[in-house]
Each structure stands twice: as structure tokens, then as C-alpha cells.
Amino acid sequence: GTWSQTPVLGAAAIYITTNPMDKNYGLPHHTGIVADPRPDENGRILTIEGNTSGGVGFNRNGGGTYLKHPKLSQIAGYIIPTEDPTWLY
């Protein structure tokens, strides 16, 4: 009951490789924390990412923590915390 296709505050977003030319296409490669689960008009949510770089995309060897706006299509699903996250609202 902890896997979902719907983002919620505090969930771990599991990213997949979306480039069909990449040998790792469809495989998980990164994780982040959902900071705002409400998609914007471009289908992006707000996440907190570690071990990455600023700007667009992800740097697997980055050295910082940044707010990111990934497309929902880049995310395979979400691991929902077992505690009810609504106490944060």
C-alpha cells in the first residue's frame, strides 16, 4: 500500500530514464521528495532533489540540493510515507 501513481506531499518520487535511445530506458535512476504534488499547467510538480545540480535535468554526480520541477512523465511512481502526511498541511 505504499506505491502510488499519484504524488502526495512527502512521497519519494522514483524517476525513470525517458530517452528511448538510452540503454537504461524505463529504468529507475533517481529519487526526490515531493514538495508540492499539484501539477502546474505544464504537468510538472515541485520536488526537492539531492545529489544533483541546479537548472534543468539531473546530474547524477551533482553536489547540491535543489528544488526541481520535473514532468510527471519522468516519474514512474511514488513511495508514500506510512505516516499520514496531511499533518503538514
N, C-alpha and C. Protein backbone atom coordinates (compact mmCIF):
# COMPACT_ATOMS: atom_id res chain seq x y z
N GLY A 1 0.79 -1.20 0.00
CA GLY A 1 0.00 0.00 0.00
C GLY A 1 0.83 1.27 0.00
N THR A 2 2.13 1.18 -0.21
CA THR A 2 2.93 2.39 -0.20
C THR A 2 3.31 2.88 -1.59
N TRP A 3 2.97 2.13 -2.65
CA TRP A 3 3.27 2.54 -4.02
C TRP A 3 2.04 3.20 -4.63
N SER A 4 2.25 4.31 -5.32
CA SER A 4 1.13 5.03 -5.91
C SER A 4 1.55 5.68 -7.22
N GLN A 5 0.60 5.92 -8.07
CA GLN A 5 0.83 6.69 -9.30
C GLN A 5 0.46 8.15 -9.08
N THR A 6 0.00 8.49 -7.89
CA THR A 6 -0.43 9.85 -7.57
C THR A 6 0.52 10.47 -6.57
N PRO A 7 1.08 11.65 -6.88
CA PRO A 7 2.00 12.27 -5.93
C PRO A 7 1.27 12.84 -4.72
N VAL A 8 1.89 12.72 -3.55
CA VAL A 8 1.40 13.36 -2.34
C VAL A 8 2.60 14.00 -1.65
N LEU A 9 2.33 15.00 -0.84
CA LEU A 9 3.37 15.70 -0.11
C LEU A 9 4.20 14.71 0.71
N GLY A 10 5.52 14.79 0.56
CA GLY A 10 6.42 13.95 1.32
C GLY A 10 6.74 12.61 0.70
N ALA A 11 6.08 12.26 -0.39
CA ALA A 11 6.35 10.97 -1.05
C ALA A 11 7.71 11.00 -1.74
N ALA A 12 8.31 9.85 -1.88
CA ALA A 12 9.53 9.72 -2.67
C ALA A 12 9.14 9.50 -4.12
N ALA A 13 9.58 10.40 -5.00
CA ALA A 13 9.33 10.27 -6.43
C ALA A 13 10.45 9.41 -7.03
N ILE A 14 10.07 8.38 -7.77
CA ILE A 14 11.04 7.48 -8.39
C ILE A 14 11.11 7.81 -9.88
N TYR A 15 12.25 8.34 -10.31
CA TYR A 15 12.43 8.77 -11.70
C TYR A 15 12.91 7.62 -12.58
N ILE A 16 12.46 7.65 -13.82
CA ILE A 16 12.92 6.67 -14.80
C ILE A 16 13.57 7.39 -15.97
N THR A 17 14.41 6.68 -16.69
CA THR A 17 15.03 7.20 -17.89
C THR A 17 13.98 7.23 -18.99
N THR A 18 13.75 8.40 -19.57
CA THR A 18 12.67 8.56 -20.55
C THR A 18 13.16 8.66 -21.99
N ASN A 19 14.47 8.65 -22.20
CA ASN A 19 15.00 8.71 -23.56
C ASN A 19 15.05 7.30 -24.15
N PRO A 20 14.24 7.02 -25.19
CA PRO A 20 14.22 5.67 -25.75
C PRO A 20 15.55 5.25 -26.37
N MET A 21 16.43 6.19 -26.63
CA MET A 21 17.74 5.86 -27.20
C MET A 21 18.75 5.47 -26.11
N ASP A 22 18.41 5.71 -24.86
CA ASP A 22 19.29 5.38 -23.73
C ASP A 22 19.16 3.89 -23.43
N LYS A 23 20.28 3.22 -23.21
CA LYS A 23 20.24 1.78 -22.91
C LYS A 23 19.50 1.47 -21.62
N ASN A 24 19.34 2.47 -20.76
CA ASN A 24 18.63 2.29 -19.49
C ASN A 24 17.19 2.78 -19.56
N TYR A 25 16.65 2.90 -20.76
CA TYR A 25 15.29 3.39 -20.97
C TYR A 25 14.29 2.65 -20.07
N GLY A 26 13.48 3.42 -19.34
CA GLY A 26 12.44 2.85 -18.49
C GLY A 26 12.91 2.40 -17.12
N LEU A 27 14.21 2.46 -16.88
CA LEU A 27 14.74 2.01 -15.58
C LEU A 27 14.85 3.17 -14.59
N PRO A 28 14.68 2.90 -13.30
CA PRO A 28 14.81 3.95 -12.30
C PRO A 28 16.25 4.44 -12.21
N HIS A 29 16.43 5.75 -11.96
CA HIS A 29 17.78 6.28 -11.88
C HIS A 29 17.96 7.36 -10.81
N HIS A 30 16.87 7.82 -10.18
CA HIS A 30 17.00 8.93 -9.24
C HIS A 30 15.74 8.96 -8.37
N THR A 31 15.85 9.61 -7.24
CA THR A 31 14.69 9.78 -6.37
C THR A 31 14.69 11.20 -5.81
N GLY A 32 13.54 11.68 -5.48
CA GLY A 32 13.39 13.01 -4.89
C GLY A 32 12.20 13.01 -3.95
N ILE A 33 12.01 14.09 -3.25
CA ILE A 33 10.90 14.22 -2.30
C ILE A 33 9.89 15.20 -2.87
N VAL A 34 8.62 14.82 -2.89
CA VAL A 34 7.57 15.69 -3.40
C VAL A 34 7.34 16.83 -2.41
N ALA A 35 7.53 18.08 -2.89
CA ALA A 35 7.33 19.26 -2.07
C ALA A 35 5.97 19.92 -2.34
N ASP A 36 5.48 19.77 -3.56
CA ASP A 36 4.14 20.26 -3.93
C ASP A 36 3.59 19.31 -4.98
N PRO A 37 2.59 18.51 -4.62
CA PRO A 37 2.07 17.49 -5.53
C PRO A 37 1.11 18.00 -6.59
N ARG A 38 0.78 19.28 -6.55
CA ARG A 38 -0.19 19.82 -7.51
C ARG A 38 0.51 20.16 -8.82
N PRO A 39 0.21 19.43 -9.90
CA PRO A 39 0.86 19.72 -11.18
C PRO A 39 0.50 21.12 -11.69
N ASP A 40 1.48 21.79 -12.31
CA ASP A 40 1.21 23.08 -12.91
C ASP A 40 0.62 22.86 -14.31
N GLU A 41 0.43 23.94 -15.05
CA GLU A 41 -0.19 23.86 -16.38
C GLU A 41 0.66 23.08 -17.38
N ASN A 42 1.93 22.86 -17.05
CA ASN A 42 2.82 22.09 -17.94
C ASN A 42 3.01 20.65 -17.48
N GLY A 43 2.23 20.22 -16.48
CA GLY A 43 2.35 18.84 -15.99
C GLY A 43 3.60 18.61 -15.17
N ARG A 44 4.01 19.61 -14.40
CA ARG A 44 5.20 19.49 -13.56
C ARG A 44 4.82 19.69 -12.09
N ILE A 45 5.50 18.96 -11.23
CA ILE A 45 5.31 19.13 -9.79
C ILE A 45 6.60 19.71 -9.21
N LEU A 46 6.58 20.04 -7.93
CA LEU A 46 7.76 20.58 -7.26
C LEU A 46 8.37 19.50 -6.38
N THR A 47 9.67 19.27 -6.54
CA THR A 47 10.37 18.26 -5.75
C THR A 47 11.64 18.86 -5.15
N ILE A 48 12.15 18.18 -4.17
CA ILE A 48 13.44 18.51 -3.56
C ILE A 48 14.39 17.40 -3.96
N GLU A 49 15.49 17.77 -4.60
CA GLU A 49 16.44 16.79 -5.13
C GLU A 49 17.81 16.96 -4.50
N GLY A 50 18.39 15.88 -4.08
CA GLY A 50 19.76 15.88 -3.58
C GLY A 50 20.67 15.22 -4.61
N ASN A 51 21.98 15.38 -4.43
CA ASN A 51 22.96 14.78 -5.32
C ASN A 51 22.68 15.13 -6.78
N THR A 52 22.43 16.39 -7.04
CA THR A 52 22.13 16.84 -8.39
C THR A 52 22.73 18.23 -8.58
N SER A 53 22.36 18.87 -9.66
CA SER A 53 22.84 20.23 -9.93
C SER A 53 21.65 21.13 -10.19
N GLY A 54 21.88 22.42 -10.19
CA GLY A 54 20.81 23.37 -10.49
C GLY A 54 20.45 23.32 -11.97
N GLY A 55 19.41 24.01 -12.33
CA GLY A 55 19.00 24.04 -13.74
C GLY A 55 18.10 22.88 -14.09
N VAL A 56 17.92 22.70 -15.39
CA VAL A 56 17.05 21.66 -15.91
C VAL A 56 17.77 20.32 -15.92
N GLY A 57 17.04 19.25 -15.69
CA GLY A 57 17.60 17.91 -15.75
C GLY A 57 18.27 17.51 -14.45
N PHE A 58 18.95 16.38 -14.50
CA PHE A 58 19.58 15.82 -13.33
C PHE A 58 21.04 15.53 -13.63
N ASN A 59 21.88 15.75 -12.66
CA ASN A 59 23.28 15.40 -12.75
C ASN A 59 23.51 14.36 -11.67
N ARG A 60 23.73 13.12 -12.07
CA ARG A 60 23.85 12.03 -11.10
C ARG A 60 25.02 12.20 -10.15
N ASN A 61 25.98 13.03 -10.52
CA ASN A 61 27.13 13.27 -9.66
C ASN A 61 27.16 14.70 -9.14
N GLY A 62 26.01 15.36 -9.12
CA GLY A 62 25.94 16.73 -8.64
C GLY A 62 26.24 16.82 -7.16
N GLY A 63 26.54 18.01 -6.73
CA GLY A 63 26.95 18.18 -5.36
C GLY A 63 26.03 19.06 -4.54
N GLY A 64 24.76 19.16 -4.93
CA GLY A 64 23.88 20.05 -4.19
C GLY A 64 22.48 19.52 -4.02
N THR A 65 21.69 20.29 -3.30
CA THR A 65 20.27 20.01 -3.11
C THR A 65 19.50 21.18 -3.69
N TYR A 66 18.52 20.88 -4.56
CA TYR A 66 17.82 21.91 -5.30
C TYR A 66 16.33 21.61 -5.39
N LEU A 67 15.54 22.66 -5.54
CA LEU A 67 14.15 22.48 -5.92
C LEU A 67 14.11 22.23 -7.42
N LYS A 68 13.33 21.26 -7.84
CA LYS A 68 13.20 20.91 -9.26
C LYS A 68 11.73 20.89 -9.64
N HIS A 69 11.46 21.00 -10.92
CA HIS A 69 10.10 20.94 -11.47
C HIS A 69 10.04 19.86 -12.54
N PRO A 70 10.11 18.58 -12.16
CA PRO A 70 10.10 17.51 -13.16
C PRO A 70 8.72 17.31 -13.77
N LYS A 71 8.72 16.82 -15.00
CA LYS A 71 7.47 16.43 -15.66
C LYS A 71 6.96 15.15 -15.00
N LEU A 72 5.66 15.04 -14.89
CA LEU A 72 5.08 13.80 -14.34
C LEU A 72 5.50 12.59 -15.16
N SER A 73 5.72 12.78 -16.47
CA SER A 73 6.10 11.66 -17.33
C SER A 73 7.50 11.13 -17.02
N GLN A 74 8.31 11.87 -16.25
CA GLN A 74 9.64 11.41 -15.87
C GLN A 74 9.61 10.53 -14.63
N ILE A 75 8.45 10.41 -14.02
CA ILE A 75 8.33 9.72 -12.74
C ILE A 75 7.54 8.43 -12.91
N ALA A 76 8.13 7.32 -12.47
CA ALA A 76 7.47 6.01 -12.58
C ALA A 76 6.36 5.87 -11.57
N GLY A 77 6.54 6.46 -10.40
CA GLY A 77 5.56 6.38 -9.34
C GLY A 77 6.12 6.95 -8.07
N TYR A 78 5.39 6.78 -6.99
CA TYR A 78 5.71 7.41 -5.72
C TYR A 78 5.63 6.40 -4.59
N ILE A 79 6.57 6.49 -3.69
CA ILE A 79 6.52 5.70 -2.47
C ILE A 79 5.94 6.62 -1.40
N ILE A 80 4.77 6.25 -0.91
CA ILE A 80 4.03 7.08 0.04
C ILE A 80 4.51 6.77 1.45
N PRO A 81 4.78 7.81 2.25
CA PRO A 81 5.16 7.55 3.64
C PRO A 81 4.05 6.77 4.36
N THR A 82 4.44 5.94 5.29
CA THR A 82 3.44 5.17 6.03
C THR A 82 2.70 6.03 7.03
N GLU A 83 3.29 7.13 7.46
CA GLU A 83 2.58 8.07 8.33
C GLU A 83 1.72 8.98 7.46
N ASP A 84 0.58 9.41 7.97
CA ASP A 84 -0.32 10.30 7.24
C ASP A 84 0.36 11.67 7.08
N PRO A 85 0.68 12.09 5.82
CA PRO A 85 1.39 13.35 5.63
C PRO A 85 0.51 14.59 5.75
N THR A 86 -0.79 14.42 5.95
CA THR A 86 -1.67 15.60 5.98
C THR A 86 -1.42 16.49 7.18
N TRP A 87 -0.71 16.01 8.19
CA TRP A 87 -0.41 16.86 9.33
C TRP A 87 0.47 18.04 8.92
N LEU A 88 1.10 17.95 7.75
CA LEU A 88 1.95 19.04 7.27
C LEU A 88 1.16 20.17 6.64
N TYR A 89 -0.09 19.93 6.28
CA TYR A 89 -0.89 20.95 5.58
C TYR A 89 -1.36 22.01 6.52
